[in-house]
Amino acid sequence: MSVTSVNGLLLKRMIISGANSLNSKKETVDALNVFPVPDGDTGTNMSLTVLAAAREVEKSQSLNVGEIAKLASNGSLRGARGNSGVITSQLFRGFAKELEGMGEADTEALARAGVKAVETAYKAVMKPKEGTILTVARVMSESAVKYCGRMSDISEFMEAVLNDGQAVLLQTKEMLPVLKQADVVDAGGMGLLFFLEGAMQALTSDKEVKVDEISTASKKNEYAALASIDNESITFGYCTEFFINVKNAPDATVGGLKNYLSSIGDSLVVVADDEIIKVHVHTDHPGMAIEKALSIGSLSGLKIDNMREQHTNKIDFTAEGKSIKQEAAPAQAPEPKKEHKKTGFISICSGTGLADIFRSLGVDIIIEGGQTMNPSTEDILNAIGEIDADNIVIMPNNKNIILAAEQARNLTEDKTVYVVPTRSMPEAVTAMLCYNAEENLDDVIEEMNEAIKNVTTASVTYAVRDTKIGDKEILKDDILGMLNDDIAIVGKDIQQATKELVKKAADEDSEMISIYYGCDATEEMASEIGDFIAEELPDCDVEIHSGNQQLYYYIISVE
């Protein structure tokens, strides 16, 4: 039977089916990581992002295609993880903008929505690169415009568009040298096609579909905020979240809601969009928060968690990140609420030793995350809400988290948020050393941005698969020495590879080298590296710290 238009229920099925399709194939996408290091998480990030969109639409029975698209946009925006997830959320956002107010959408409307989706996604990236998910999305949107005038059947239309998408995906390895060297196509582009292929499958079935359960391995991302903000006291017992459905809420209404919720709780996040207000608050009186919200509009997505019960369990991630276990931990009495401060700091961090260093430098909240565990936009928003401060400074410490941090900044209205675009934890350490509470914050942020340019980050890890990068033949389990974002050393021995890496990273002009050894290295091993540096560069100061990070034997800062 020919389908010539999409209503809300059909779009809902398509989004859920697409999310489940990508979720089932995320490991295939992850494996396309150009470098064979243990951080290929494009598929995981995109899957968690679209599953957040799917969970949002699953709760609705709306027949209106515009309303379903808006819900998907809201869910993906908050659930976005990593650069690929943020770009995907922006595709949803542009798609929803074009369909706003529509009951149904035909091929022409879907084509226009595709064009708007691509425009929105390109604007979200400071320096868009061709040969990425953006290219695949753009070519498919151009194809949609070409085909919509002569194809009214949605299945036929989508199949034609996807065929062009498959063709351009194969071309991506010729567009980016790094893809050609690794002989792989773009991971984000493949993830997008997996999603759309799943969405198309829903066109041939009237069966209701349910959102897939998140795998145990992926749940370590879902638990990141709970596991990492254990340094904050629990002043109020119930984490209360809900959406208020209201069209074009006046600023005064949103402001009044914030003032009221602040009077009965803390860790407040209120994000207002065109037709919905997202609320997150910690309070001892969730009923009062709900009553206030009901005076503004209808509610959806209500969730109340007893945090004191949750925090009697300690969440522990294994070194391989393959399993999650819980151990009983003694309950602690609530501490007094912390005083209001002018500026608060958030750092994304992997490793208890590095987390302790950041706390000693004045970081308020550590969000556990990094190479294989990128926090979502909502994780960062919740952390912003945890700090009672006028200004918030976020240090992502990973190039794949910067966009999510910037998205959280753009969604925050009641605080001024700065993102210092740190790409590694050593850069964040240097940035924090620049902070002076007596100086103008804008000047301090400028100093931080300048200081991190002078940091060279070297790291030592291992290869997760065989590959060839340029002239380097790499075998699974080889030791890899990374210099910033490039593979500089390939070896068999951890210590020898590290020494060779240091010789490439440092020279006679280097003044300070800091060594952070991971959970798979020892203090004795790190001391050996320190002694080597002292002999090679006698005028350079050397510091050794236990970072206790996973996956990386050493993270080394050269300044």
Protein backbone atom coordinates (compact mmCIF):
# COMPACT_ATOMS: atom_id res chain seq x y z
CA MET A 1 0.00 0.00 0.00
CA SER A 2 1.32 3.39 -1.00
CA VAL A 3 2.02 5.89 1.82
CA THR A 4 1.90 9.48 0.59
CA SER A 5 2.03 11.38 3.88
CA VAL A 6 3.43 11.02 7.38
CA ASN A 7 1.34 11.88 10.44
CA GLY A 8 2.45 12.03 14.06
CA LEU A 9 1.95 8.35 14.86
CA LEU A 10 3.83 7.22 11.77
CA LEU A 11 6.71 9.63 12.43
CA LYS A 12 6.85 8.32 15.99
CA ARG A 13 7.18 4.74 14.72
CA MET A 14 9.83 5.84 12.22
CA ILE A 15 11.92 7.58 14.87
CA ILE A 16 11.74 4.63 17.28
CA SER A 17 12.50 2.12 14.52
CA GLY A 18 15.40 4.24 13.31
CA ALA A 19 16.82 4.57 16.82
CA ASN A 20 16.56 0.82 17.39
CA SER A 21 18.27 0.16 14.05
CA LEU A 22 21.23 2.38 14.92
CA ASN A 23 21.39 0.97 18.44
CA SER A 24 21.69 -2.57 17.06
CA LYS A 25 24.54 -1.55 14.75
CA LYS A 26 26.42 0.94 16.92
CA GLU A 27 29.43 -1.37 17.33
CA THR A 28 29.81 -1.41 13.53
CA VAL A 29 29.92 2.39 13.55
CA ASP A 30 32.27 2.48 16.55
CA ALA A 31 34.70 0.22 14.67
CA LEU A 32 35.13 2.88 11.97
CA ASN A 33 37.20 5.07 14.27
CA VAL A 34 40.14 6.28 12.18
CA PHE A 35 42.72 5.74 14.90
CA PRO A 36 42.82 2.24 16.46
CA VAL A 37 42.82 3.65 20.00
CA PRO A 38 40.17 2.54 22.57
CA ASP A 39 37.87 5.53 22.08
CA GLY A 40 35.87 4.78 18.93
CA ASP A 41 32.51 5.88 20.27
CA THR A 42 30.73 7.63 17.37
CA GLY A 43 28.13 4.87 17.09
CA THR A 44 27.54 4.78 20.84
CA ASN A 45 27.17 8.55 21.06
CA MET A 46 24.77 8.75 18.11
CA SER A 47 22.78 5.78 19.40
CA LEU A 48 22.31 7.30 22.86
CA THR A 49 21.31 10.60 21.25
CA VAL A 50 18.61 9.14 18.98
CA LEU A 51 17.39 6.81 21.75
CA ALA A 52 16.82 9.94 23.86
CA ALA A 53 14.70 11.32 21.00
CA ALA A 54 12.84 8.01 20.68
CA ARG A 55 12.07 7.83 24.41
CA GLU A 56 10.63 11.32 24.21
CA VAL A 57 8.24 10.57 21.35
CA GLU A 58 7.28 7.15 22.75
CA LYS A 59 5.23 8.85 25.46
CA SER A 60 3.08 10.80 22.98
CA GLN A 61 -0.03 9.75 21.08
CA SER A 62 -0.17 12.93 19.02
CA LEU A 63 -1.33 12.68 15.41
CA ASN A 64 0.43 15.95 14.64
CA VAL A 65 3.74 15.45 12.80
CA GLY A 66 5.03 18.82 13.97
CA GLU A 67 4.46 17.97 17.63
CA ILE A 68 6.26 14.62 17.34
CA ALA A 69 9.19 16.25 15.51
CA LYS A 70 9.40 18.85 18.29
CA LEU A 71 9.48 16.18 21.00
CA ALA A 72 12.23 14.32 19.14
CA SER A 73 14.19 17.55 18.87
CA ASN A 74 13.86 18.24 22.60
CA GLY A 75 14.93 14.72 23.53
CA SER A 76 17.93 14.64 21.21
CA LEU A 77 19.04 18.14 22.25
CA ARG A 78 19.31 17.14 25.92
CA GLY A 79 20.56 13.62 25.23
CA ALA A 80 23.27 14.64 22.74
CA ARG A 81 26.69 13.10 23.38
CA GLY A 82 29.92 13.78 21.53
CA ASN A 83 30.27 15.81 18.35
CA SER A 84 28.33 13.27 16.30
CA GLY A 85 25.46 13.34 18.80
CA VAL A 86 25.32 17.14 18.91
CA ILE A 87 25.27 17.34 15.10
CA THR A 88 22.52 14.70 15.03
CA SER A 89 20.50 16.71 17.56
CA GLN A 90 20.83 19.79 15.36
CA LEU A 91 19.53 17.80 12.39
CA PHE A 92 16.47 16.92 14.50
CA ARG A 93 16.16 20.56 15.54
CA GLY A 94 16.11 21.94 11.99
CA PHE A 95 13.76 19.16 10.86
CA ALA A 96 11.31 20.08 13.64
CA LYS A 97 11.46 23.81 12.86
CA GLU A 98 10.30 23.25 9.30
CA LEU A 99 7.47 20.89 10.33
CA GLU A 100 6.19 23.15 13.12
CA GLY A 101 2.40 23.39 13.09
CA MET A 102 1.92 20.69 10.45
CA GLY A 103 -0.52 17.82 10.91
CA GLU A 104 0.95 15.68 8.14
CA ALA A 105 3.96 15.88 5.83
CA ASP A 106 4.27 14.73 2.22
CA THR A 107 7.49 14.27 0.27
CA GLU A 108 7.76 17.98 -0.49
CA ALA A 109 7.39 18.91 3.18
CA LEU A 110 9.92 16.24 4.18
CA ALA A 111 12.37 17.56 1.59
CA ARG A 112 12.04 21.11 2.94
CA ALA A 113 12.52 19.77 6.47
CA GLY A 114 15.67 17.98 5.33
CA VAL A 115 17.08 21.18 3.90
CA LYS A 116 16.35 23.06 7.13
CA ALA A 117 17.91 20.22 9.14
CA VAL A 118 21.16 20.48 7.18
CA GLU A 119 21.25 24.27 7.42
CA THR A 120 20.84 24.10 11.19
CA ALA A 121 23.52 21.43 11.61
CA TYR A 122 26.07 23.28 9.49
CA LYS A 123 25.55 26.44 11.56
CA ALA A 124 26.23 24.51 14.76
CA VAL A 125 29.76 23.56 13.68
CA MET A 126 32.37 26.32 13.70
CA LYS A 127 34.48 24.84 10.90
CA PRO A 128 32.39 22.30 8.96
CA LYS A 129 34.41 19.63 7.12
CA GLU A 130 33.31 17.83 3.99
CA GLY A 131 33.56 14.07 4.11
CA THR A 132 31.64 13.88 7.38
CA ILE A 133 28.05 13.28 8.51
CA LEU A 134 27.33 16.83 7.34
CA THR A 135 28.24 15.91 3.76
CA VAL A 136 26.07 12.79 3.79
CA ALA A 137 23.13 14.75 5.22
CA ARG A 138 23.59 17.60 2.73
CA VAL A 139 23.73 15.36 -0.34
CA MET A 140 20.62 13.49 0.81
CA SER A 141 18.75 16.76 1.39
CA GLU A 142 19.67 17.89 -2.14
CA SER A 143 18.46 14.54 -3.49
CA ALA A 144 15.21 14.89 -1.53
CA VAL A 145 14.53 18.25 -3.18
CA LYS A 146 15.25 16.68 -6.58
CA TYR A 147 13.02 13.63 -6.05
CA CYS A 148 10.06 15.10 -4.15
CA GLY A 149 8.54 16.73 -7.22
CA ARG A 150 8.20 13.44 -9.04
CA MET A 151 7.74 10.97 -6.18
CA SER A 152 4.71 11.03 -3.90
CA ASP A 153 5.19 7.60 -2.31
CA ILE A 154 7.23 8.04 0.89
CA SER A 155 8.93 4.62 0.66
CA GLU A 156 10.00 5.17 -2.94
CA PHE A 157 11.18 8.68 -2.05
CA MET A 158 13.23 7.57 0.96
CA GLU A 159 14.76 4.64 -0.92
CA ALA A 160 15.97 6.96 -3.68
CA VAL A 161 17.40 9.43 -1.16
CA LEU A 162 19.12 6.66 0.80
CA ASN A 163 20.69 5.25 -2.36
CA ASP A 164 22.32 8.63 -2.97
CA GLY A 165 23.35 8.72 0.68
CA GLN A 166 25.06 5.33 0.34
CA ALA A 167 26.91 6.56 -2.74
CA VAL A 168 28.26 9.69 -1.08
CA LEU A 169 29.19 7.73 2.05
CA LEU A 170 31.56 5.64 -0.07
CA GLN A 171 33.04 8.87 -1.44
CA THR A 172 33.85 10.25 2.03
CA LYS A 173 37.09 8.25 2.18
CA GLU A 174 38.27 10.26 -0.83
CA MET A 175 37.26 13.58 0.73
CA LEU A 176 39.24 13.34 3.97
CA PRO A 177 42.87 12.16 3.87
CA VAL A 178 42.59 10.53 7.31
CA LEU A 179 39.70 8.37 6.09
CA LYS A 180 41.60 7.39 2.96
CA GLN A 181 44.70 6.44 4.97
CA ALA A 182 42.65 4.24 7.30
CA ASP A 183 40.55 2.93 4.38
CA VAL A 184 37.25 3.61 6.16
CA VAL A 185 34.15 5.68 5.43
CA ASP A 186 32.87 8.36 7.79
CA ALA A 187 31.41 6.83 10.95
CA GLY A 188 28.83 9.57 11.53
CA GLY A 189 27.56 9.31 7.97
CA MET A 190 27.14 5.56 8.33
CA GLY A 191 25.29 6.05 11.63
CA LEU A 192 22.88 8.48 9.95
CA LEU A 193 22.15 5.97 7.19
CA PHE A 194 21.54 3.17 9.72
CA PHE A 195 19.01 5.43 11.47
CA LEU A 196 17.19 6.37 8.25
CA GLU A 197 17.15 2.76 7.01
CA GLY A 198 15.44 1.74 10.23
CA ALA A 199 13.01 4.65 9.92
CA MET A 200 12.05 3.55 6.40
CA GLN A 201 11.28 0.03 7.63
CA ALA A 202 8.47 1.43 9.78
CA LEU A 203 6.63 2.53 6.64
CA THR A 204 5.70 -1.04 5.79
CA SER A 205 4.31 -2.02 9.19
CA ASP A 206 1.48 -0.77 11.40
CA LYS A 207 2.84 -2.52 14.48
CA GLU A 208 3.68 -0.41 17.50
CA VAL A 209 7.40 -0.47 18.26
CA LYS A 210 9.10 0.01 21.60
CA VAL A 211 12.39 1.73 22.28
CA ASP A 212 15.25 -0.72 22.81
CA GLU A 213 16.73 -1.09 26.27
CA ILE A 214 20.16 0.49 26.62
CA SER A 215 22.90 -2.12 26.85
CA THR A 216 24.85 -2.54 30.09
CA ALA A 217 28.00 -1.22 28.41
CA SER A 218 26.17 1.95 27.38
CA LYS A 219 24.59 2.42 30.79
CA LYS A 220 27.94 3.53 32.17
CA ASN A 221 27.18 6.78 30.32
CA GLU A 222 23.73 7.02 31.87
CA TYR A 223 25.19 6.61 35.37
CA ALA A 224 28.07 9.04 34.85
CA ALA A 225 26.47 11.99 36.62
CA LEU A 226 25.43 9.92 39.64
CA ALA A 227 28.86 8.33 39.97
CA SER A 228 30.87 11.49 39.49
CA ILE A 229 29.15 14.13 41.57
CA ASP A 230 29.70 12.22 44.78
CA ASN A 231 31.69 15.12 46.23
CA GLU A 232 28.54 17.22 46.46
CA SER A 233 26.39 16.89 49.55
CA ILE A 234 22.72 15.94 49.24
CA THR A 235 20.88 18.83 50.83
CA PHE A 236 17.49 17.99 49.30
CA GLY A 237 16.39 14.40 48.90
CA TYR A 238 14.34 14.09 45.70
CA CYS A 239 15.61 14.65 42.17
CA THR A 240 12.46 15.86 40.42
CA GLU A 241 12.22 16.24 36.64
CA PHE A 242 9.32 16.99 34.33
CA PHE A 243 8.24 18.92 31.22
CA ILE A 244 5.61 21.64 31.28
CA ASN A 245 3.71 21.77 28.00
CA VAL A 246 2.97 25.42 27.34
CA LYS A 247 3.04 27.50 24.19
CA ASN A 248 5.32 30.59 24.21
CA ALA A 249 5.67 30.95 27.97
CA PRO A 250 6.30 34.62 28.92
CA ASP A 251 9.67 35.41 30.48
CA ALA A 252 7.87 36.50 33.64
CA THR A 253 6.26 33.06 33.97
CA VAL A 254 9.59 31.27 33.58
CA GLY A 255 11.25 33.72 35.97
CA GLY A 256 8.54 33.25 38.56
CA LEU A 257 8.84 29.47 38.28
CA LYS A 258 12.61 29.67 38.83
CA ASN A 259 12.17 31.90 41.89
CA TYR A 260 9.61 29.57 43.43
CA LEU A 261 11.59 26.39 42.80
CA SER A 262 14.73 28.05 44.19
CA SER A 263 12.83 28.67 47.41
CA ILE A 264 12.07 24.95 47.91
CA GLY A 265 15.19 23.32 46.49
CA ASP A 266 18.51 23.60 44.70
CA SER A 267 20.39 22.20 41.67
CA LEU A 268 17.83 24.01 39.56
CA VAL A 269 17.77 23.74 35.77
CA VAL A 270 14.90 25.41 33.90
CA VAL A 271 15.18 25.41 30.11
CA ALA A 272 12.36 27.09 28.19
CA ASP A 273 11.72 26.34 24.52
CA ASP A 274 8.91 27.40 22.21
CA GLU A 275 6.31 24.98 23.56
CA ILE A 276 7.91 23.25 26.52
CA ILE A 277 9.70 24.05 29.76
CA LYS A 278 12.18 21.45 31.00
CA VAL A 279 12.54 21.42 34.80
CA HIS A 280 15.13 19.69 36.98
CA VAL A 281 15.21 20.44 40.71
CA HIS A 282 16.39 18.79 43.94
CA THR A 283 13.77 19.30 46.64
CA ASP A 284 12.25 17.72 49.73
CA HIS A 285 8.78 18.66 48.43
CA PRO A 286 8.31 17.35 44.87
CA GLY A 287 4.53 17.70 45.23
CA MET A 288 4.87 21.45 45.72
CA ALA A 289 7.04 21.70 42.61
CA ILE A 290 4.45 19.74 40.63
CA GLU A 291 1.54 21.87 41.90
CA LYS A 292 3.35 25.03 40.83
CA ALA A 293 4.07 23.55 37.40
CA LEU A 294 0.42 22.53 36.93
CA SER A 295 -0.60 26.15 37.39
CA ILE A 296 1.40 26.89 34.21
CA GLY A 297 0.52 23.97 31.93
CA SER A 298 0.09 20.22 31.56
CA LEU A 299 2.94 17.91 32.57
CA SER A 300 4.77 15.06 30.89
CA GLY A 301 7.91 13.03 31.48
CA LEU A 302 7.55 13.16 35.28
CA LYS A 303 10.39 11.44 37.15
CA ILE A 304 11.14 11.54 40.89
CA ASP A 305 14.20 9.77 42.34
CA ASN A 306 15.15 9.42 46.00
CA MET A 307 18.79 10.48 45.83
CA ARG A 308 19.63 9.45 49.37
CA GLU A 309 18.72 5.86 48.51
CA GLN A 310 20.68 6.03 45.26
CA HIS A 311 23.79 7.35 46.95
CA THR A 312 23.90 4.48 49.42
CA ASN A 313 25.22 2.50 46.46
CA LYS A 314 28.63 3.16 45.00
CA ILE A 315 28.77 2.69 41.24
CA ASP A 316 32.02 1.13 40.05
CA PHE A 317 33.09 0.80 36.44
CA THR A 318 35.56 -1.93 35.63
CA ALA A 319 38.82 -1.01 33.92
CA GLU A 320 37.53 -2.45 30.66
CA GLY A 321 34.25 -0.58 30.97
CA LYS A 322 32.46 -3.86 30.30
CA SER A 323 30.39 -4.28 33.45
CA ILE A 324 28.78 -2.34 36.25
CA LYS A 325 28.62 -3.47 39.84
CA GLN A 326 27.29 -1.89 43.01
CA GLU A 327 28.75 -2.01 46.46
CA ALA A 328 27.08 -0.87 49.65
CA ALA A 329 28.51 2.35 51.03
CA PRO A 330 27.67 3.99 54.34
CA ALA A 331 25.02 6.68 54.15
CA GLN A 332 26.24 10.15 55.06
CA ALA A 333 24.29 12.83 56.85
CA PRO A 334 23.45 15.84 54.66
CA GLU A 335 25.84 18.76 54.96
CA PRO A 336 24.76 22.39 55.06
CA LYS A 337 24.03 23.94 51.70
CA LYS A 338 27.09 25.59 50.23
CA GLU A 339 27.25 29.35 50.02
CA HIS A 340 26.61 31.25 46.84
CA LYS A 341 29.78 32.02 44.89
CA LYS A 342 30.67 34.26 42.01
CA THR A 343 32.29 31.64 39.75
CA GLY A 344 32.03 27.86 39.68
CA PHE A 345 34.00 25.30 37.68
CA ILE A 346 33.08 22.03 35.96
CA SER A 347 35.63 19.60 34.58
CA ILE A 348 35.05 16.40 32.63
CA CYS A 349 37.58 13.90 33.92
CA SER A 350 38.56 10.23 33.87
CA GLY A 351 40.65 8.96 36.77
CA THR A 352 40.28 9.45 40.52
CA GLY A 353 43.78 10.87 40.86
CA LEU A 354 43.17 13.51 38.22
CA ALA A 355 39.79 14.27 39.79
CA ASP A 356 41.51 14.94 43.13
CA ILE A 357 43.96 17.27 41.40
CA PHE A 358 41.11 19.24 39.84
CA ARG A 359 39.32 19.52 43.17
CA SER A 360 42.49 20.80 44.80
CA LEU A 361 42.65 23.49 42.10
CA GLY A 362 39.11 24.66 42.87
CA VAL A 363 36.91 22.67 40.49
CA ASP A 364 33.43 22.32 42.00
CA ILE A 365 32.03 19.38 40.06
CA ILE A 366 33.75 16.54 38.26
CA ILE A 367 31.69 14.82 35.56
CA GLU A 368 33.12 11.39 34.97
CA GLY A 369 33.83 11.00 31.29
CA GLY A 370 36.40 11.11 28.56
CA GLN A 371 37.50 8.93 25.69
CA THR A 372 34.88 6.19 25.87
CA MET A 373 32.26 7.92 27.98
CA ASN A 374 31.15 11.31 26.66
CA PRO A 375 28.63 13.02 28.95
CA SER A 376 25.39 14.26 27.43
CA THR A 377 24.28 17.85 27.15
CA GLU A 378 21.81 17.14 29.96
CA ASP A 379 24.57 15.73 32.20
CA ILE A 380 26.39 19.05 31.80
CA LEU A 381 23.19 21.05 32.32
CA ASN A 382 22.54 19.17 35.56
CA ALA A 383 26.08 19.88 36.72
CA ILE A 384 25.55 23.57 35.98
CA GLY A 385 22.43 23.42 38.13
CA GLU A 386 24.38 21.83 40.99
CA ILE A 387 26.54 24.93 41.47
CA ASP A 388 25.11 28.01 43.17
CA ALA A 389 27.14 30.57 41.23
CA ASP A 390 26.60 33.51 38.88
CA ASN A 391 29.21 32.29 36.40
CA ILE A 392 30.15 28.76 35.37
CA VAL A 393 33.34 27.74 33.58
CA ILE A 394 33.29 24.35 31.81
CA MET A 395 36.44 22.50 30.73
CA PRO A 396 35.46 19.60 28.38
CA ASN A 397 39.00 18.11 28.22
CA ASN A 398 38.19 16.23 25.03
CA LYS A 399 37.59 17.51 21.51
CA ASN A 400 34.53 15.24 21.29
CA ILE A 401 32.83 16.90 24.27
CA ILE A 402 33.31 20.57 23.34
CA LEU A 403 30.13 20.81 21.24
CA ALA A 404 27.99 19.25 24.00
CA ALA A 405 29.43 21.76 26.50
CA GLU A 406 28.67 24.63 24.13
CA GLN A 407 25.14 23.31 23.62
CA ALA A 408 24.64 23.24 27.40
CA ARG A 409 25.94 26.80 27.58
CA ASN A 410 23.43 27.93 24.94
CA LEU A 411 20.55 26.28 26.83
CA THR A 412 21.40 27.97 30.16
CA GLU A 413 19.56 31.22 30.79
CA ASP A 414 19.99 32.04 34.47
CA LYS A 415 23.80 31.87 34.64
CA THR A 416 26.65 33.07 32.47
CA VAL A 417 28.47 30.01 31.16
CA TYR A 418 31.94 29.98 29.63
CA VAL A 419 33.43 27.02 27.75
CA VAL A 420 37.22 26.91 27.75
CA PRO A 421 37.83 24.49 24.83
CA THR A 422 40.34 22.22 26.55
CA ARG A 423 41.10 19.09 24.52
CA SER A 424 42.95 17.22 27.26
CA MET A 425 43.10 17.09 31.05
CA PRO A 426 46.60 18.64 31.19
CA GLU A 427 45.23 21.67 29.33
CA ALA A 428 42.55 22.03 32.01
CA VAL A 429 45.15 21.86 34.79
CA THR A 430 47.03 24.72 33.11
CA ALA A 431 43.79 26.66 32.64
CA MET A 432 42.88 26.35 36.34
CA LEU A 433 46.32 27.64 37.36
CA CYS A 434 45.42 30.88 35.55
CA TYR A 435 42.38 31.55 37.71
CA ASN A 436 42.52 34.54 40.02
CA ALA A 437 39.25 35.43 41.77
CA GLU A 438 40.37 39.06 42.03
CA GLU A 439 40.70 39.51 38.26
CA ASN A 440 37.94 40.27 35.78
CA LEU A 441 36.51 36.92 34.67
CA ASP A 442 36.49 37.80 30.95
CA ASP A 443 40.21 38.60 31.23
CA VAL A 444 40.81 35.33 33.09
CA ILE A 445 39.00 33.33 30.39
CA GLU A 446 41.17 35.01 27.77
CA GLU A 447 44.29 34.07 29.77
CA MET A 448 43.06 30.48 30.01
CA ASN A 449 42.47 30.28 26.27
CA GLU A 450 45.97 31.58 25.59
CA ALA A 451 47.62 29.34 28.19
CA ILE A 452 46.21 26.07 26.82
CA LYS A 453 47.78 26.84 23.43
CA ASN A 454 51.19 26.37 25.03
CA VAL A 455 50.43 22.85 26.30
CA THR A 456 51.53 19.79 24.34
CA THR A 457 49.75 16.63 25.44
CA ALA A 458 51.38 13.25 24.91
CA SER A 459 49.57 10.04 25.82
CA VAL A 460 50.36 6.34 25.71
CA THR A 461 47.70 3.72 25.00
CA TYR A 462 47.26 0.53 22.96
CA ALA A 463 45.82 -0.45 19.58
CA VAL A 464 42.44 -2.16 19.53
CA ARG A 465 42.75 -3.47 15.96
CA ASP A 466 45.15 -3.94 13.05
CA THR A 467 45.38 -1.00 10.66
CA LYS A 468 47.70 1.20 8.65
CA ILE A 469 47.97 4.95 9.27
CA GLY A 470 50.19 6.65 6.73
CA ASP A 471 53.47 4.73 6.73
CA LYS A 472 52.78 3.10 10.12
CA GLU A 473 51.76 -0.54 10.23
CA ILE A 474 49.83 -1.10 13.45
CA LEU A 475 48.90 -4.46 14.97
CA LYS A 476 46.31 -5.10 17.66
CA ASP A 477 47.77 -4.54 21.17
CA ASP A 478 50.71 -2.48 19.87
CA ILE A 479 51.67 0.40 22.16
CA LEU A 480 50.71 3.76 20.66
CA GLY A 481 52.25 7.09 21.56
CA MET A 482 49.89 9.96 20.73
CA LEU A 483 51.18 13.51 20.31
CA ASN A 484 48.11 15.71 20.64
CA ASP A 485 45.84 14.09 18.01
CA ASP A 486 48.45 12.23 15.97
CA ILE A 487 50.06 8.81 16.33
CA ALA A 488 53.76 9.55 16.78
CA ILE A 489 55.09 6.23 18.09
CA VAL A 490 54.19 2.59 17.48
CA GLY A 491 55.99 0.09 19.68
CA LYS A 492 55.80 -3.12 21.67
CA ASP A 493 57.06 -1.96 25.07
CA ILE A 494 55.23 0.61 27.21
CA GLN A 495 58.32 2.17 28.77
CA GLN A 496 60.38 2.32 25.59
CA ALA A 497 57.51 3.78 23.57
CA THR A 498 56.93 6.40 26.27
CA LYS A 499 60.57 7.47 26.26
CA GLU A 500 60.55 7.82 22.48
CA LEU A 501 57.33 9.84 22.70
CA VAL A 502 58.80 12.22 25.28
CA LYS A 503 61.80 12.83 23.02
CA LYS A 504 59.39 13.88 20.26
CA ALA A 505 57.19 15.99 22.53
CA ALA A 506 59.88 17.88 24.49
CA ASP A 507 63.03 19.81 23.64
CA GLU A 508 65.57 22.08 25.33
CA ASP A 509 63.02 24.90 25.50
CA SER A 510 60.58 22.80 27.53
CA GLU A 511 60.27 24.10 31.09
CA MET A 512 57.85 21.68 32.79
CA ILE A 513 56.82 18.09 32.15
CA SER A 514 54.03 16.53 34.22
CA ILE A 515 53.48 12.78 34.15
CA TYR A 516 50.06 11.35 35.10
CA TYR A 517 50.26 7.57 35.29
CA GLY A 518 47.16 5.45 34.84
CA CYS A 519 45.67 2.49 36.68
CA ASP A 520 47.61 0.06 34.47
CA ALA A 521 50.97 1.69 35.25
CA THR A 522 52.84 1.98 38.56
CA GLU A 523 54.65 4.71 40.44
CA GLU A 524 57.92 2.84 39.82
CA MET A 525 57.24 2.84 36.07
CA ALA A 526 56.46 6.55 36.14
CA SER A 527 59.62 7.27 38.16
CA GLU A 528 61.66 5.50 35.51
CA ILE A 529 60.22 7.87 32.91
CA GLY A 530 60.91 10.81 35.20
CA ASP A 531 64.55 9.78 35.62
CA PHE A 532 64.89 9.45 31.85
CA ILE A 533 63.56 13.00 31.36
CA ALA A 534 65.86 14.37 34.05
CA GLU A 535 68.85 12.85 32.25
CA GLU A 536 67.76 13.95 28.78
CA LEU A 537 66.57 17.44 29.80
CA PRO A 538 68.36 18.41 33.03
CA ASP A 539 66.99 21.98 32.99
CA CYS A 540 63.36 20.83 32.76
CA ASP A 541 61.25 20.42 35.91
CA VAL A 542 59.45 17.07 36.21
CA GLU A 543 56.36 16.25 38.27
CA ILE A 544 54.82 12.80 38.73
CA HIS A 545 51.18 12.29 39.74
CA SER A 546 48.87 9.30 40.04
CA GLY A 547 46.07 10.05 37.56
CA ASN A 548 44.56 6.55 37.90
CA GLN A 549 42.99 7.00 34.46
CA GLN A 550 41.81 4.01 32.46
CA LEU A 551 42.92 3.04 28.94
CA TYR A 552 45.97 5.34 28.95
CA TYR A 553 49.16 4.19 30.65
CA TYR A 554 50.46 7.75 30.73
CA ILE A 555 49.13 11.22 30.03
CA ILE A 556 52.05 13.65 29.80
CA SER A 557 51.93 17.44 29.74
CA VAL A 558 54.80 19.40 28.18
CA GLU A 559 54.98 23.18 28.65
